[in-house]
Protein backbone atom coordinates (compact mmCIF):
# COMPACT_ATOMS: atom_id res chain seq x y z
CA MET A 1 0.00 0.00 0.00
CA GLU A 2 2.76 2.41 0.99
CA SER A 3 4.66 1.55 -2.19
CA GLN A 4 1.57 2.29 -4.28
CA GLN A 5 1.07 5.67 -2.56
CA ARG A 6 4.72 6.58 -3.17
CA LYS A 7 4.38 5.73 -6.88
CA THR A 8 1.21 7.83 -7.09
CA ARG A 9 2.96 10.83 -5.45
CA ASN A 10 5.97 10.43 -7.72
CA SER A 11 3.79 10.22 -10.83
CA THR A 12 1.81 13.31 -9.81
CA PHE A 13 5.00 15.24 -8.98
CA SER A 14 6.63 14.29 -12.28
CA SER A 15 3.54 15.14 -14.32
CA LYS A 16 3.20 18.53 -12.60
CA ARG A 17 6.83 19.39 -13.32
CA PHE A 18 6.48 18.27 -16.93
CA ARG A 19 3.45 20.52 -17.43
CA GLN A 20 5.26 23.43 -15.76
CA SER A 21 8.30 23.12 -18.05
CA TRP A 22 6.17 23.14 -21.18
CA LEU A 23 4.04 25.98 -19.81
CA GLN A 24 7.21 28.05 -19.43
CA ILE A 25 8.19 27.36 -23.03
CA VAL A 26 4.71 28.21 -24.36
CA ILE A 27 4.64 31.46 -22.37
CA ILE A 28 8.08 32.49 -23.64
CA ILE A 29 7.22 31.68 -27.28
CA PHE A 30 3.95 33.62 -27.02
CA ALA A 31 5.73 36.59 -25.44
CA ASP A 32 8.45 36.53 -28.13
CA LEU A 33 5.83 36.60 -30.90
CA ILE A 34 4.07 39.56 -29.27
CA ILE A 35 7.35 41.45 -28.88
CA VAL A 36 8.42 40.77 -32.47
CA PHE A 37 5.01 41.79 -33.82
CA GLY A 38 4.94 44.93 -31.67
CA SER A 39 8.48 45.81 -32.71
CA PHE A 40 7.49 45.62 -36.37
CA LEU A 41 4.48 47.90 -35.83
CA LEU A 42 6.68 50.41 -33.99
CA ALA A 43 9.31 50.25 -36.76
CA PHE A 44 6.59 50.78 -39.39
CA PHE A 45 5.23 53.78 -37.49
CA LEU A 46 8.68 55.36 -37.15
CA ARG A 47 9.51 54.69 -40.81
CA SER A 48 6.18 56.16 -41.96
CA HIS A 49 6.87 59.38 -40.06
CA ALA A 50 10.58 59.66 -40.82
CA PRO A 51 11.11 63.27 -42.00
CA PHE A 52 14.06 62.65 -44.33
CA LEU A 53 12.82 59.53 -46.14
CA PRO A 54 10.31 59.18 -49.00
CA PRO A 55 6.84 57.90 -48.02
CA LEU A 56 6.20 54.14 -48.12
CA ASP A 57 4.35 52.90 -51.18
CA ARG A 58 2.43 50.27 -49.16
CA ASP A 59 0.24 50.47 -46.07
CA VAL A 60 0.72 48.27 -43.04
CA SER A 61 -1.94 45.74 -44.09
CA THR A 62 0.15 44.76 -47.11
CA TYR A 63 3.09 43.91 -44.89
CA LEU A 64 0.90 42.03 -42.44
CA ASP A 65 -0.17 39.67 -45.24
CA ALA A 66 3.30 38.13 -44.86
CA TRP A 67 2.66 37.34 -41.16
CA PRO A 68 3.85 33.67 -41.35
CA ILE A 69 7.41 34.99 -41.66
CA ILE A 70 7.19 35.98 -37.99
CA LEU A 71 7.55 32.28 -37.13
CA LEU A 72 11.21 32.59 -38.12
CA TRP A 73 11.92 34.18 -34.75
CA PRO A 74 10.84 31.33 -32.44
CA LEU A 75 12.46 28.83 -34.81
CA LEU A 76 15.81 30.64 -34.76
CA LEU A 77 15.65 31.34 -31.04
CA TRP A 78 14.84 27.68 -30.42
CA SER A 79 17.92 26.71 -32.41
CA GLU A 80 19.94 28.96 -30.09
CA GLY A 81 18.69 26.99 -27.07
CA LEU A 82 16.53 29.84 -25.74
CA TYR A 83 13.41 27.86 -24.85
CA PRO A 84 13.38 28.24 -21.95
CA GLY A 85 17.10 29.18 -22.03
CA PHE A 86 17.66 29.36 -18.26
CA GLU A 87 21.11 27.79 -18.65
CA TRP A 88 22.32 30.87 -20.54
CA ILE A 89 23.10 33.96 -18.49
CA GLY A 90 24.84 37.30 -18.96
CA SER A 91 26.80 37.80 -22.17
CA ASP A 92 26.08 34.27 -23.47
CA TYR A 93 22.33 34.90 -23.16
CA LEU A 94 22.50 38.28 -24.92
CA GLN A 95 24.74 36.89 -27.67
CA ARG A 96 22.26 34.11 -28.46
CA ILE A 97 19.33 36.52 -28.58
CA VAL A 98 21.23 38.86 -30.90
CA SER A 99 22.35 35.96 -33.10
CA GLY A 100 18.87 34.47 -33.43
CA THR A 101 17.24 37.85 -34.06
CA THR A 102 19.82 38.88 -36.65
CA ILE A 103 19.58 35.63 -38.60
CA ALA A 104 15.78 35.84 -38.52
CA SER A 105 15.91 39.42 -39.85
CA VAL A 106 18.22 38.36 -42.68
CA GLY A 107 15.90 35.42 -43.34
CA LEU A 108 12.97 37.84 -43.57
CA MET A 109 14.64 39.74 -46.38
CA ALA A 110 15.85 36.59 -48.12
CA ALA A 111 12.44 34.91 -47.98
CA THR A 112 10.59 37.85 -49.54
CA PHE A 113 13.26 38.32 -52.20
CA LEU A 114 13.60 34.66 -53.24
CA THR A 115 9.94 33.65 -53.13
CA LYS A 116 8.47 36.99 -54.21
CA THR A 117 5.36 36.01 -52.24
CA GLY A 118 5.43 39.00 -49.95
CA PRO A 119 6.12 42.72 -50.22
CA GLN A 120 9.59 44.03 -50.84
CA PHE A 121 10.39 45.36 -47.40
CA SER A 122 11.85 48.83 -47.08
CA ARG A 123 15.50 48.58 -46.03
CA PRO A 124 15.18 51.30 -43.35
CA LEU A 125 12.05 49.53 -42.11
CA VAL A 126 13.87 46.19 -41.79
CA ALA A 127 16.90 47.83 -40.15
CA GLY A 128 14.70 49.68 -37.67
CA PHE A 129 12.69 46.52 -36.99
CA TRP A 130 15.90 44.63 -36.29
CA LEU A 131 17.28 47.30 -33.91
CA ILE A 132 14.02 47.66 -32.01
CA THR A 133 13.74 43.89 -31.60
CA LEU A 134 17.31 43.74 -30.31
CA ALA A 135 16.33 46.24 -27.60
CA THR A 136 12.86 44.95 -26.66
CA LEU A 137 13.37 41.18 -26.78
CA PRO A 138 16.08 41.01 -24.04
CA LEU A 139 14.01 43.35 -21.84
CA ALA A 140 10.92 41.19 -22.26
CA ARG A 141 12.95 38.07 -21.49
CA LEU A 142 14.28 39.75 -18.34
CA GLY A 143 10.73 40.55 -17.26
CA LEU A 144 9.69 36.93 -17.76
CA ARG A 145 12.66 35.71 -15.76
CA LEU A 146 11.60 37.95 -12.87
CA ILE A 147 8.05 36.59 -13.09
CA PHE A 148 9.29 32.99 -13.16
CA ARG A 149 11.53 33.76 -10.22
CA ALA A 150 8.54 35.10 -8.24
CA LEU A 151 6.63 31.91 -9.10
CA ASP A 152 9.66 29.80 -8.09
CA TRP A 153 9.89 28.41 -11.62
CA GLY A 154 13.53 27.54 -12.20
CA GLY A 155 15.22 25.48 -14.86
CA PRO A 156 14.80 21.71 -15.32
CA ARG A 157 15.23 19.50 -12.28
CA ALA A 158 18.47 17.65 -11.67
CA VAL A 159 20.03 15.25 -9.19
CA ILE A 160 23.57 15.51 -7.87
CA LEU A 161 26.06 12.74 -7.16
CA GLY A 162 28.28 13.67 -4.21
CA GLY A 163 27.44 15.69 -1.14
CA GLY A 164 30.76 17.42 -0.46
CA ARG A 165 32.15 20.91 -0.84
CA THR A 166 31.86 20.82 -4.63
CA THR A 167 28.10 20.32 -4.40
CA ALA A 168 27.81 23.16 -1.89
CA LEU A 169 29.61 25.50 -4.30
CA ILE A 170 27.39 24.39 -7.20
CA LEU A 171 24.23 25.03 -5.20
CA GLN A 172 25.50 28.41 -4.03
CA GLY A 173 26.03 29.45 -7.65
CA LEU A 174 22.69 28.08 -8.83
CA TRP A 175 20.66 29.81 -6.11
CA ALA A 176 22.39 33.08 -7.01
CA GLN A 177 20.97 32.87 -10.54
CA LYS A 178 17.58 34.49 -11.17
CA PRO A 179 15.98 32.09 -11.94
CA SER A 180 18.35 29.16 -11.52
CA SER A 181 19.44 27.43 -14.73
CA LEU A 182 18.89 24.04 -13.04
CA SER A 183 16.77 23.02 -10.07
CA PRO A 184 18.57 20.36 -7.99
CA VAL A 185 16.02 18.27 -6.08
CA ALA A 186 18.08 15.45 -4.53
CA ILE A 187 21.65 14.47 -3.65
CA PHE A 188 23.07 10.95 -3.64
CA ASP A 189 26.18 9.99 -1.69
CA ASP A 190 27.59 6.66 -0.53
CA ASN A 191 28.38 8.14 2.88
CA SER A 192 25.45 6.79 4.92
CA ALA A 193 26.04 9.37 7.64
CA MET A 194 24.79 12.06 5.25
CA HIS A 195 21.50 10.33 4.48
CA GLY A 196 18.60 12.29 5.91
CA THR A 197 20.61 15.53 5.99
CA SER A 198 20.68 18.30 3.38
CA VAL A 199 23.17 20.50 1.57
CA ASP A 200 21.98 24.10 1.12
CA GLY A 201 18.36 22.98 1.29
CA VAL A 202 18.68 19.96 -1.03
CA PRO A 203 18.12 16.60 0.73
CA VAL A 204 20.58 13.70 0.61
CA VAL A 205 18.21 10.81 -0.11
CA GLY A 206 20.33 7.73 -0.85
CA THR A 207 23.37 6.07 -2.35
CA ILE A 208 24.70 6.47 -5.86
CA SER A 209 23.37 3.04 -6.85
CA GLU A 210 19.82 4.28 -6.10
CA VAL A 211 19.92 7.42 -8.21
CA GLN A 212 18.59 5.96 -11.47
CA ASP A 213 15.49 4.37 -9.94
CA TRP A 214 14.75 7.54 -7.97
CA ALA A 215 15.24 9.81 -10.98
CA ARG A 216 13.09 7.57 -13.18
CA ALA A 217 10.27 7.63 -10.63
CA HIS A 218 10.42 11.43 -10.34
CA GLY A 219 10.93 12.19 -14.01
CA VAL A 220 14.39 13.74 -13.57
CA ARG A 221 16.54 13.56 -16.69
CA ILE A 222 19.69 15.48 -15.67
CA VAL A 223 22.47 14.29 -13.35
CA ILE A 224 25.40 16.34 -12.08
CA VAL A 225 28.48 14.31 -11.16
CA ALA A 226 30.17 16.44 -8.50
CA MET A 227 32.93 14.15 -7.23
CA PRO A 228 36.17 15.56 -8.69
CA GLY A 229 38.30 14.11 -5.93
CA ILE A 230 37.66 10.41 -6.57
CA ALA A 231 39.98 8.12 -8.55
CA HIS A 232 39.94 8.58 -12.31
CA GLU A 233 38.93 5.00 -13.08
CA LEU A 234 35.96 5.15 -10.69
CA LEU A 235 34.86 8.54 -12.05
CA VAL A 236 34.87 7.26 -15.63
CA LYS A 237 32.89 4.19 -14.56
CA ILE A 238 30.26 6.33 -12.82
CA ILE A 239 29.93 8.64 -15.82
CA GLU A 240 29.50 5.73 -18.23
CA GLU A 241 26.91 4.12 -15.96
CA GLN A 242 24.86 7.30 -15.59
CA SER A 243 25.02 8.01 -19.31
CA LYS A 244 22.90 4.91 -19.89
CA ALA A 245 19.97 6.37 -17.94
CA PHE A 246 20.28 10.17 -18.17
CA PRO A 247 20.03 12.14 -21.45
CA ARG A 248 22.17 14.88 -19.89
CA VAL A 249 25.20 14.16 -17.71
CA LEU A 250 27.12 17.16 -16.34
CA VAL A 251 30.58 16.47 -14.91
CA VAL A 252 32.44 18.81 -12.57
CA PRO A 253 36.20 18.49 -13.28
CA ASN A 254 38.95 18.84 -10.73
CA LEU A 255 39.81 22.44 -11.64
CA PHE A 256 38.96 24.41 -8.50
CA GLY A 257 41.80 26.87 -9.07
CA LEU A 258 40.50 27.66 -12.54
CA SER A 259 36.83 27.96 -11.70
CA THR A 260 36.48 31.42 -13.23
CA VAL A 261 38.34 30.74 -16.45
CA ASP A 262 36.61 30.77 -19.82
CA VAL A 263 37.03 27.14 -20.88
CA ASN A 264 36.25 25.64 -24.29
CA THR A 265 36.33 21.95 -25.09
CA ARG A 266 38.57 20.78 -27.92
CA ASP A 267 39.11 17.41 -29.56
CA ILE A 268 42.79 16.69 -30.16
CA GLY A 269 43.34 13.32 -31.74
CA GLY A 270 40.22 11.91 -30.11
CA THR A 271 41.23 13.18 -26.66
CA LEU A 272 39.06 15.62 -24.71
CA THR A 273 41.05 18.80 -24.13
CA LEU A 274 40.16 22.01 -22.31
CA GLU A 275 41.29 25.31 -23.81
CA LEU A 276 41.86 28.07 -21.26
CA ARG A 277 41.37 31.47 -22.87
CA LYS A 278 42.48 34.94 -21.84
CA ASN A 279 40.38 36.98 -24.22
CA LEU A 280 41.76 40.47 -23.58
CA LEU A 281 45.31 39.32 -24.20
CA HIS A 282 44.52 38.80 -27.92
CA TRP A 283 45.55 41.81 -30.04
CA SER A 284 42.40 41.70 -32.21
CA ASN A 285 40.16 41.92 -29.15
CA ARG A 286 42.21 44.84 -27.82
CA ILE A 287 41.69 46.77 -31.07
CA LEU A 288 37.94 46.06 -31.00
CA LYS A 289 37.72 47.17 -27.39
CA ARG A 290 39.58 50.41 -28.11
CA LEU A 291 37.20 51.22 -30.97
CA THR A 292 34.18 50.64 -28.74
CA ASP A 293 35.75 52.96 -26.13
CA PHE A 294 35.70 55.81 -28.65
CA LEU A 295 32.10 54.97 -29.54
CA PHE A 296 30.91 55.01 -25.93
CA VAL A 297 32.78 58.23 -25.12
CA THR A 298 31.24 59.92 -28.15
CA LEU A 299 27.73 58.80 -27.24
CA LEU A 300 27.97 59.68 -23.55
CA GLY A 301 30.61 62.41 -23.45
CA LEU A 302 28.79 65.15 -25.37
CA PRO A 303 25.49 64.88 -23.42
CA ALA A 304 27.52 64.89 -20.17
CA ILE A 305 29.09 68.33 -20.79
CA PRO A 306 26.10 70.39 -19.46
CA LEU A 307 25.84 68.11 -16.42
CA MET A 308 29.55 68.55 -15.70
CA LEU A 309 29.12 72.34 -15.81
CA VAL A 310 26.33 72.13 -13.22
CA ILE A 311 28.51 69.93 -10.98
CA THR A 312 31.39 72.37 -11.32
CA ILE A 313 29.24 75.32 -10.22
CA ALA A 314 27.78 73.36 -7.27
CA GLY A 315 31.25 72.34 -6.12
CA LEU A 316 32.57 75.89 -6.32
CA LEU A 317 29.66 77.25 -4.30
CA GLU A 318 30.09 74.70 -1.50
CA SER A 319 33.82 74.23 -1.06
CA GLY A 320 35.62 76.29 -3.67
CA ARG A 321 38.62 75.10 -5.59
CA PRO A 322 40.00 72.72 -6.68
CA ILE A 323 37.05 71.24 -8.57
CA PHE A 324 38.91 68.19 -9.77
CA PHE A 325 40.77 65.58 -7.78
CA LEU A 326 43.77 64.04 -9.52
CA GLN A 327 45.36 60.92 -8.12
CA ASN A 328 48.07 58.56 -9.33
CA ARG A 329 46.65 55.16 -10.28
CA VAL A 330 48.26 52.01 -11.66
CA GLY A 331 47.36 51.36 -15.28
CA GLN A 332 48.23 48.97 -18.07
CA TYR A 333 51.64 47.27 -17.78
CA GLY A 334 51.99 48.70 -14.26
CA THR A 335 52.58 52.27 -15.47
CA GLN A 336 51.11 55.13 -13.45
CA PHE A 337 48.71 57.77 -14.75
CA ARG A 338 46.78 60.68 -13.27
CA MET A 339 43.11 59.74 -12.90
CA TRP A 340 40.59 62.58 -12.99
CA LYS A 341 37.54 62.82 -10.72
CA PHE A 342 35.34 65.54 -9.33
CA ARG A 343 36.52 66.36 -5.84
CA THR A 344 34.07 64.87 -3.31
CA MET A 345 36.09 65.27 -0.09
CA VAL A 346 37.05 68.10 2.17
CA ARG A 347 40.56 69.47 2.12
CA ASP A 348 43.10 67.62 4.25
CA ALA A 349 41.11 64.40 3.75
CA ASP A 350 44.13 62.14 4.27
CA ARG A 351 44.78 63.55 7.74
CA ILE A 352 41.12 63.15 8.70
CA LEU A 353 41.07 59.53 7.50
CA LYS A 354 44.21 58.67 9.43
CA GLN A 355 42.82 60.26 12.57
CA GLU A 356 39.47 58.46 12.29
CA LEU A 357 41.10 55.08 11.69
CA MET A 358 43.31 55.50 14.73
CA GLN A 359 40.36 56.38 16.97
CA ASN A 360 37.80 53.88 15.67
CA PRO A 361 38.81 50.16 15.47
CA ALA A 362 35.55 49.15 13.71
CA LEU A 363 36.14 51.79 11.06
CA ARG A 364 39.72 50.57 10.68
CA ASP A 365 38.57 46.97 10.13
CA GLU A 366 36.07 48.09 7.49
CA TRP A 367 38.78 50.05 5.67
CA GLN A 368 41.19 47.12 5.70
CA GLU A 369 38.57 44.77 4.26
CA ARG A 370 36.98 46.98 1.60
CA GLN A 371 39.22 50.02 1.17
CA LYS A 372 35.92 51.92 1.47
CA LEU A 373 33.86 53.38 4.31
CA THR A 374 30.08 53.20 4.57
CA ASP A 375 29.87 56.55 6.33
CA ASP A 376 32.94 58.41 5.13
CA PRO A 377 33.60 61.49 7.30
CA ARG A 378 35.66 63.11 4.55
CA LEU A 379 32.78 63.66 2.07
CA THR A 380 31.27 67.06 1.32
CA THR A 381 27.50 67.48 0.83
CA VAL A 382 27.88 67.73 -2.94
CA GLY A 383 30.39 64.90 -2.78
CA LYS A 384 27.92 62.55 -1.11
CA LEU A 385 25.43 63.15 -3.93
CA LEU A 386 28.09 62.67 -6.59
CA ARG A 387 29.20 59.40 -4.96
CA ARG A 388 25.58 58.24 -4.66
CA LEU A 389 25.04 58.75 -8.41
CA SER A 390 28.65 57.93 -9.43
CA LEU A 391 28.84 61.30 -11.17
CA ASP A 392 32.24 61.99 -9.68
CA GLU A 393 33.62 59.55 -12.27
CA LEU A 394 32.59 61.62 -15.32
CA PRO A 395 35.98 63.37 -15.79
CA GLN A 396 37.50 59.95 -16.43
CA LEU A 397 36.12 60.22 -19.96
CA TRP A 398 39.24 62.34 -20.52
CA ASN A 399 41.42 59.44 -19.31
CA ILE A 400 39.63 57.17 -21.77
CA LEU A 401 40.28 59.52 -24.68
CA ARG A 402 43.96 59.68 -23.71
CA GLY A 403 44.19 55.89 -23.80
CA GLU A 404 44.95 55.58 -20.08
CA MET A 405 41.63 53.93 -19.25
CA SER A 406 38.87 51.96 -20.93
CA PHE A 407 35.13 52.41 -20.57
CA VAL A 408 34.81 48.94 -19.03
CA GLY A 409 37.61 47.19 -17.19
CA PRO A 410 39.19 46.50 -13.79
CA ARG A 411 38.80 49.22 -11.20
CA PRO A 412 41.90 51.52 -11.18
CA ILE A 413 44.02 50.78 -8.12
CA THR A 414 46.54 52.81 -6.17
CA GLU A 415 50.16 51.82 -5.68
CA ASP A 416 49.55 50.64 -2.11
CA GLN A 417 46.83 48.25 -3.32
CA VAL A 418 49.13 46.34 -5.67
CA ASP A 419 50.21 43.93 -2.93
CA LEU A 420 46.56 43.14 -2.18
CA TYR A 421 46.23 41.68 -5.69
CA GLY A 422 49.07 39.22 -5.10
CA ALA A 423 49.68 36.92 -8.06
CA SER A 424 46.55 38.31 -9.77
CA PHE A 425 48.23 41.69 -10.36
CA HIS A 426 49.85 40.32 -13.52
CA MET A 427 46.41 39.75 -15.01
CA TYR A 428 45.18 43.20 -13.89
CA SER A 429 48.17 44.97 -15.43
CA GLN A 430 47.67 43.44 -18.88
CA VAL A 431 44.69 45.68 -19.69
CA ARG A 432 43.52 49.26 -19.21
CA PRO A 433 41.50 49.88 -16.03
CA GLY A 434 37.88 50.89 -16.56
CA LEU A 435 35.43 53.61 -15.62
CA THR A 436 32.98 50.82 -14.82
CA GLY A 437 33.36 47.08 -14.49
CA LEU A 438 32.17 43.83 -12.97
CA TRP A 439 33.00 44.95 -9.44
CA GLN A 440 30.93 48.12 -9.75
CA VAL A 441 27.83 46.26 -10.97
CA GLY A 442 28.29 43.32 -8.61
CA GLY A 443 27.79 45.07 -5.29
CA ARG A 444 30.48 47.79 -5.43
CA ALA A 445 31.51 48.75 -1.90
CA ASN A 446 29.31 46.04 -0.38
CA THR A 447 31.82 43.41 -1.53
CA SER A 448 35.25 42.64 -0.14
CA PHE A 449 38.48 43.62 -1.86
CA GLN A 450 39.19 39.97 -2.67
CA ASP A 451 35.82 39.74 -4.46
CA ARG A 452 36.94 42.76 -6.45
CA VAL A 453 40.21 41.02 -7.41
CA GLN A 454 38.34 37.90 -8.55
CA SER A 455 35.95 40.02 -10.62
CA ASP A 456 38.88 41.73 -12.37
CA VAL A 457 40.59 38.44 -13.20
CA TYR A 458 37.35 36.96 -14.49
CA TYR A 459 36.79 39.98 -16.73
CA VAL A 460 40.22 39.80 -18.36
CA ARG A 461 39.90 36.09 -19.09
CA ASN A 462 36.28 36.11 -20.22
CA TRP A 463 35.99 39.45 -22.03
CA SER A 464 33.67 39.76 -24.98
CA LEU A 465 31.84 42.67 -26.57
CA TRP A 466 28.63 41.14 -25.21
CA LEU A 467 30.02 41.17 -21.68
CA ASP A 468 30.83 44.89 -22.01
CA VAL A 469 27.26 45.58 -23.17
CA ILE A 470 25.88 43.66 -20.19
CA ILE A 471 28.12 45.56 -17.74
CA ILE A 472 27.20 48.96 -19.22
CA ALA A 473 23.48 48.12 -19.02
CA LYS A 474 23.89 46.97 -15.41
CA THR A 475 25.87 50.10 -14.60
CA PHE A 476 22.88 52.33 -15.31
CA TRP A 477 20.70 50.14 -13.09
CA THR A 478 23.30 50.03 -10.31
CA VAL A 479 23.72 53.80 -10.36
CA ALA A 480 19.94 54.37 -10.37
CA SER A 481 19.41 51.98 -7.45
CA GLY A 482 22.40 53.31 -5.49
CA GLN A 483 23.55 49.76 -4.75
CA GLY A 484 26.77 49.85 -2.73
CA ALA A 485 27.35 53.52 -3.49
CA TYR A 486 29.25 55.38 -0.74
């Protein structure tokens, strides 16, 4: 009787999860179609009212007769693995959306030209449609992710083999995702003492030999092998055994020291090989990044000039000259440069800091950990506002133009912070420091200095144009929310 009840519960649980997964996919496809259709209507409206272009020779109903072409978008996005796509985050996620949308837009033009069954689309209309879709589709996907997160709808369920430190790190990373790319529901370990316990909220339910029956009963089709410390022969045997029952087998290798490296798999003579990349050390990527620096400075620098004048006047009225604060920072190849900022502190700030740190042990501990103070006694009234909105950084656009800094990169450090980087300073010094970066959008002063070092190393190794776009977009949100700004 008990066995029958357990089977009934398992069947119900599995069926519910199956329906939820497909419901997610249907919702995302439906939302994508609405966004694509709405983007086309907006592009048509803007094209129809463009002041410097000739009027369109067709009304919107003529274009809508070719509506089946809109199905290109879900087909291409599906091919990019974006339904539901929880496993892709950050720059990888954006790159796949851009790739699918671009190919679909090219397919739109090719289909109407080759078949001649639809209208010949206006080139400005198609270009505008493409650009609008690139902007609206990621935003809509982000909104859906937030909704799924509120509903506690994560990625597909998975089981984990091994209940040690590796599993704890995996779970910590998964729960930090919004929503999680996978939803671990059970852990299996041959250590009987762990049975009945849990790791970060996930129960340890049995031994490794029991995982296949349990997963089959619960409809779980993904297994994570998180036992990098066991003997090679035993690990291979476990992987081969699990591959017979699970369509997807994820293996965590014994590479703890390289956990933040961008790794690609390669086949060399039939042997699995891992390629460790350092993207910003390639000369072609450096040239591309420098070109994008000029583009961002042009787009943001000119509109910032009136704002900088207002800040200058406000600073003069409160505390007089100097308006700018220049400080030596360590740049590319370890060379020093003068970094420009709006002055946010009172005069004689160094003496005040030294005095406060001597008198207040708690303040001294905070400074040693973060190199920042939550309630900095040195800030002026205008300076507090500038720090809150990160507007004190605007003069660094001049450093970017001079080639001393980049728009996105590691946070510029002072000479006395070099030792805090340790062996990672070599990686930091290979690139230009940035006005914004991973550290600034990942918590800023709320994180420790060692978190900042890890973020800088990750950025250098994993740089891509997509990653820069993601960081810049997050920068605006971080500044608006005031996260970690002091």
